[in-house]
Protein backbone atom coordinates (compact mmCIF):
# COMPACT_ATOMS: atom_id res chain seq x y z
CA MET A 1 52.87 21.00 30.78
CA THR A 2 51.26 18.49 28.35
CA ASN A 3 49.35 19.91 25.32
CA PRO A 4 45.84 18.37 25.35
CA GLU A 5 45.82 18.47 21.60
CA THR A 6 48.93 16.41 21.32
CA GLN A 7 47.91 13.81 23.98
CA GLU A 8 47.23 10.30 22.48
CA GLN A 9 43.53 9.67 22.26
CA THR A 10 42.25 6.51 23.74
CA PRO A 11 40.92 4.33 20.94
CA GLU A 12 37.10 3.82 21.12
CA PRO A 13 36.40 0.06 21.94
CA ALA A 14 35.23 -1.83 18.95
CA THR A 15 32.05 -2.87 20.71
CA ASP A 16 31.14 0.70 21.29
CA ARG A 17 31.64 1.59 17.60
CA LEU A 18 29.63 -1.52 16.56
CA GLU A 19 26.87 -0.43 18.98
CA ARG A 20 26.71 3.12 17.52
CA ALA A 21 26.57 1.60 13.99
CA VAL A 22 23.73 -0.65 14.90
CA GLY A 23 21.83 2.28 16.54
CA ALA A 24 22.25 4.47 13.39
CA ALA A 25 21.25 1.46 11.14
CA GLU A 26 18.19 0.92 13.30
CA THR A 27 17.02 4.44 13.10
CA ALA A 28 17.51 4.51 9.29
CA LEU A 29 15.71 1.25 8.82
CA ILE A 30 12.69 2.22 11.08
CA GLU A 31 12.29 5.43 9.07
CA PHE A 32 12.35 3.48 5.77
CA GLU A 33 9.89 1.10 6.98
CA ILE A 34 7.64 3.83 7.98
CA ALA A 35 7.83 5.49 4.61
CA VAL A 36 7.31 2.26 2.78
CA GLU A 37 4.23 1.35 4.93
CA THR A 38 2.84 4.74 4.48
CA PHE A 39 3.27 4.69 0.63
CA ARG A 40 1.66 1.28 0.68
CA ILE A 41 -1.36 2.81 2.45
CA GLU A 42 -1.58 5.51 0.01
CA VAL A 43 -1.26 3.31 -2.96
CA GLU A 44 -4.09 1.07 -1.44
CA ASN A 45 -6.44 3.94 -0.83
CA PHE A 46 -5.62 5.47 -4.05
CA SER A 47 -6.37 2.29 -5.90
CA ARG A 48 -9.80 2.03 -4.19
CA LEU A 49 -10.75 5.54 -5.08
CA HIS A 50 -9.42 5.15 -8.66
CA HIS A 51 -11.52 2.05 -9.15
CA GLN A 52 -14.60 3.51 -7.62
CA ARG A 53 -14.52 6.94 -9.44
CA LEU A 54 -12.98 5.99 -12.79
CA GLY A 55 -13.92 2.20 -13.18
CA PRO A 56 -17.36 2.87 -14.81
CA MET A 57 -15.83 5.34 -17.16
CA TYR A 58 -13.14 2.69 -18.23
CA ALA A 59 -15.92 0.22 -18.59
CA ARG A 60 -17.88 2.68 -20.82
CA LEU A 61 -14.97 3.32 -23.09
CA ASP A 62 -14.45 -0.54 -23.58
CA GLU A 63 -18.10 -0.85 -24.52
CA LEU A 64 -18.02 2.02 -26.96
CA ASP A 65 -14.86 0.64 -28.58
CA ALA A 66 -16.48 -2.62 -29.05
CA GLN A 67 -19.78 -1.05 -30.46
CA ILE A 68 -17.65 1.18 -32.88
CA ALA A 69 -15.67 -1.73 -34.10
CA GLU A 70 -18.84 -3.83 -34.51
CA ALA A 71 -20.46 -1.02 -36.56
CA VAL A 72 -17.58 -0.69 -38.68
CA ALA A 73 -17.49 -4.44 -39.27
CA ALA A 74 -21.15 -4.55 -40.15
CA ARG A 75 -20.68 -1.87 -42.72
CA SER A 76 -17.60 -3.19 -44.47
CA GLY A 77 -17.99 -7.01 -43.88
CA ASP A 78 -14.18 -7.16 -44.15
CA PRO A 79 -12.63 -10.12 -42.31
CA GLU A 80 -10.03 -7.95 -40.58
CA ASP A 81 -12.69 -5.60 -39.42
CA LEU A 82 -14.73 -8.60 -38.18
CA ARG A 83 -11.58 -9.95 -36.35
CA ARG A 84 -10.97 -6.54 -34.70
CA ALA A 85 -14.72 -6.33 -33.61
CA SER A 86 -14.38 -9.75 -32.09
CA GLU A 87 -11.34 -8.71 -30.21
CA ALA A 88 -12.90 -5.51 -28.98
CA ARG A 89 -15.95 -7.33 -27.70
CA GLY A 90 -13.79 -9.82 -25.95
CA ALA A 91 -11.90 -7.02 -24.16
CA VAL A 92 -15.24 -5.88 -22.56
CA LEU A 93 -15.44 -7.24 -18.98
CA PRO A 94 -18.23 -9.56 -18.44
CA MET A 95 -20.85 -8.68 -15.83
CA PRO A 96 -19.47 -9.88 -12.40
CA GLY A 97 -20.99 -12.79 -10.73
CA VAL A 98 -22.38 -12.71 -7.19
CA ASP A 99 -19.22 -13.76 -5.55
CA GLU A 100 -17.21 -11.10 -7.40
CA LEU A 101 -19.80 -8.42 -6.76
CA PHE A 102 -19.88 -8.99 -3.00
CA GLY A 103 -16.27 -10.13 -2.67
CA GLY A 104 -14.74 -8.57 0.50
CA TRP A 105 -18.22 -7.10 1.64
CA ILE A 106 -19.90 -9.99 3.34
CA GLN A 107 -18.36 -10.38 6.68
CA SER A 108 -19.39 -12.60 9.67
CA GLU A 109 -21.45 -9.85 11.01
CA GLY A 110 -23.31 -9.39 7.71
CA LEU A 111 -23.15 -6.71 5.15
CA SER A 112 -20.89 -3.70 5.32
CA PRO A 113 -22.42 -0.21 5.12
CA GLU A 114 -21.14 0.18 1.53
CA ALA A 115 -22.88 -3.22 0.51
CA GLN A 116 -26.14 -2.37 2.37
CA ALA A 117 -26.06 1.08 0.59
CA MET A 118 -25.70 -0.64 -2.77
CA LEU A 119 -28.71 -2.95 -2.02
CA THR A 120 -30.92 -0.04 -1.00
CA GLU A 121 -29.93 2.31 -3.76
CA GLN A 122 -28.48 4.79 -1.38
CA SER A 123 -25.32 6.74 -2.24
CA VAL A 124 -22.24 4.85 -1.43
CA ARG A 125 -19.75 6.67 0.89
CA PRO A 126 -16.44 6.89 -0.85
CA PRO A 127 -13.54 5.46 1.07
CA GLU A 128 -11.58 7.96 3.00
CA ARG A 129 -7.94 8.60 2.17
CA VAL A 130 -5.82 8.02 5.25
CA ARG A 131 -2.74 9.95 5.90
CA PRO A 132 -1.19 8.85 9.22
CA SER A 133 -0.38 11.80 11.56
CA GLU A 134 3.06 12.48 12.98
CA GLU A 135 1.73 11.11 16.33
CA ALA A 136 0.62 7.80 14.70
CA ARG A 137 3.96 7.48 12.86
CA ARG A 138 5.80 8.14 16.28
CA ILE A 139 3.94 5.38 18.07
CA PHE A 140 4.21 2.94 15.04
CA ARG A 141 7.97 3.60 14.94
CA GLU A 142 8.42 2.64 18.61
CA LEU A 143 6.21 -0.43 18.24
CA VAL A 144 8.07 -1.70 15.27
CA ARG A 145 11.30 -1.09 17.23
CA LYS A 146 10.14 -3.08 20.17
CA ALA A 147 7.83 -5.75 18.87
CA HIS A 148 9.10 -6.84 15.24
CA PRO A 149 8.83 -10.60 14.91
CA ASP A 150 12.29 -10.89 13.66
CA LEU A 151 13.63 -9.74 17.06
CA ALA A 152 12.15 -12.96 18.53
CA SER A 153 14.45 -15.70 19.72
CA ASP A 154 12.08 -18.58 19.57
CA GLU A 155 9.08 -19.65 17.39
CA ALA A 156 6.41 -19.14 19.99
CA GLU A 157 7.44 -15.63 20.63
CA ARG A 158 7.71 -14.93 16.94
CA GLU A 159 4.15 -16.02 16.44
CA ARG A 160 3.05 -13.74 19.22
CA ARG A 161 4.83 -10.76 17.71
CA ASP A 162 3.40 -11.59 14.31
CA ALA A 163 -0.11 -11.41 15.61
CA PHE A 164 0.47 -8.31 17.44
CA ILE A 165 2.28 -6.52 14.45
CA VAL A 166 -0.66 -7.35 12.19
CA ARG A 167 -2.79 -5.42 14.60
CA VAL A 168 -0.34 -2.55 14.77
CA ASN A 169 -0.17 -2.29 11.02
CA ARG A 170 -3.99 -2.30 10.71
CA ALA A 171 -4.22 0.64 13.32
CA TYR A 172 -1.52 2.41 11.45
CA ALA A 173 -3.32 2.04 8.07
CA ASP A 174 -6.48 3.43 9.65
CA GLY A 175 -4.49 6.38 11.19
CA ASP A 176 -5.97 5.48 14.59
CA VAL A 177 -3.82 7.09 17.18
CA ALA A 178 -6.04 5.85 20.16
CA VAL A 179 -5.69 2.28 19.04
CA LEU A 180 -2.03 2.53 18.59
CA THR A 181 -1.72 3.96 22.01
CA GLU A 182 -3.58 1.20 23.53
CA LEU A 183 -1.39 -1.28 21.60
CA ALA A 184 1.68 0.45 22.90
CA GLU A 185 0.43 0.16 26.57
CA GLU A 186 -0.56 -3.51 25.85
CA TRP A 187 2.93 -4.21 24.66
CA ALA A 188 4.49 -2.63 27.66
CA ALA A 189 2.56 -4.58 30.06
CA GLY A 190 3.04 -7.96 28.29
CA PRO A 191 5.74 -10.45 28.77
CA GLN A 192 9.14 -9.42 27.89
CA PRO A 193 11.12 -12.54 26.73
CA GLN A 194 14.72 -13.20 27.79
CA ARG A 195 17.51 -12.46 25.27
CA ALA A 196 19.47 -15.28 23.83
CA ARG A 197 22.75 -15.82 25.74
CA LEU A 198 25.11 -14.22 23.26
CA SER A 199 28.03 -11.92 23.89
CA ARG A 200 27.32 -8.32 23.25
CA SER A 201 29.49 -8.55 20.03
CA GLU A 202 27.75 -11.49 18.85
CA GLU A 203 24.32 -9.99 19.52
CA LEU A 204 25.29 -6.65 17.57
CA TYR A 205 26.69 -8.66 14.50
CA ALA A 206 23.51 -10.62 14.48
CA ARG A 207 21.54 -7.48 14.57
CA LEU A 208 23.43 -5.81 11.84
CA GLU A 209 22.87 -8.94 9.67
CA TRP A 210 19.15 -8.83 10.20
CA LEU A 211 19.13 -5.04 9.52
CA ALA A 212 20.77 -5.57 6.24
CA GLU A 213 18.39 -8.35 5.19
CA ARG A 214 15.26 -6.28 6.08
CA LYS A 215 16.49 -3.29 4.19
CA GLU A 216 16.94 -5.32 1.10
CA TRP A 217 13.46 -6.86 1.47
CA LEU A 218 11.93 -3.47 2.04
CA ALA A 219 13.69 -1.94 -0.86
CA GLN A 220 12.11 -4.76 -3.11
CA VAL A 221 8.66 -3.88 -1.60
CA ALA A 222 9.12 -0.26 -2.24
CA ALA A 223 10.32 -0.98 -5.88
CA GLU A 224 7.18 -3.07 -6.62
CA LEU A 225 4.87 -0.39 -5.20
CA GLU A 226 6.50 2.28 -7.34
CA GLU A 227 6.53 0.24 -10.44
CA SER A 228 2.85 -0.72 -10.22
CA ALA A 229 0.38 1.30 -12.30
CA ILE A 230 -1.28 2.88 -9.36
CA GLY A 231 2.00 3.65 -7.74
CA ALA A 232 3.32 5.27 -10.77
CA MET A 233 0.27 7.45 -11.00
CA LEU A 234 0.40 8.42 -7.30
CA LYS A 235 4.05 9.52 -7.76
CA MET A 236 2.89 11.98 -10.53
CA ALA A 237 1.04 13.98 -7.75
CA PRO A 238 2.03 12.96 -4.24
CA ASP A 239 0.59 16.21 -2.62
CA ASP A 240 -2.68 16.25 -4.39
CA PRO A 241 -3.88 12.75 -5.66
CA ASP A 242 -7.54 13.76 -5.61
CA GLN A 243 -6.79 16.52 -8.21
CA LEU A 244 -4.99 13.90 -10.29
CA LEU A 245 -8.15 11.78 -10.15
CA ASN A 246 -10.21 14.72 -11.17
CA GLU A 247 -7.90 15.36 -14.13
CA ILE A 248 -7.96 11.74 -15.30
CA GLY A 249 -11.73 11.70 -14.92
CA GLU A 250 -12.25 14.81 -17.16
CA GLN A 251 -9.94 13.31 -19.83
CA LEU A 252 -11.97 10.06 -19.72
CA LEU A 253 -15.27 12.03 -19.89
CA ALA A 254 -13.95 13.79 -23.07
CA ASP A 255 -12.93 10.48 -24.52
CA VAL A 256 -16.31 8.95 -23.94
CA ALA A 257 -17.97 11.92 -25.58
CA GLN A 258 -15.72 11.62 -28.58
CA ARG A 259 -16.38 7.89 -28.96
CA GLU A 260 -20.11 8.43 -28.51
CA ALA A 261 -20.06 10.98 -31.34
CA ARG A 262 -18.15 8.52 -33.48
CA LEU A 263 -20.68 5.81 -32.89
CA ALA A 264 -23.51 8.10 -33.57
CA GLU A 265 -22.00 8.74 -37.04
CA LEU A 266 -21.60 5.09 -37.71
CA VAL A 267 -25.20 3.93 -36.64
CA GLY A 268 -26.98 7.14 -37.53
């Protein structure tokens, strides 16, 4: 009787091994892409909140630094103090022009609610921080897997996928599960292009090559996000960035009070 343990195992076909490798690489890349896109959304939202909440305090600090330097220079008349005062005043941002003030607010339909609130002196609703749900991530994952432009075999199909993925990314950034669901249904009902006439092995090797290139590009995007000023701040408190904003705000208020006291001493 033959011992099953000593039976020679049939080697796994090379194509099957390659197929399994491609499947594992696809899964890892999609998860990486979702993580990068989610972090990008967090950085974007945190940047908006940071600018809205803390921007006026930074501007106030710059103005106080300029006034202090000017007061010191007026007292001493020293050329070096005058130079410092000139540099400090130059660092104060000028008042924005109309185009800057309303940049991104005036749309084809007119003013956004935020801009309208500014003009009518109503309180401006702060931008909401969006954290896509698990369901949004699941649908986004499937749509990226099926509709990514780099899966296209001709230019017209690539352009169709480009336009579609822009809509997918926008819905994911908004955390809108309903829109993502509609997009999934739209994709399923749309035309399914024929694959290029390659052997299965050629197709798998081409897919692996694309996956490697895509991973390299995503790694670069992730590094740029993490190395940015806002990204570095967000990484300090990934679970509670709002509290980080509060802490920074409290420190800035203390700095403003300290500089105001110093200015009062100089001009009083």
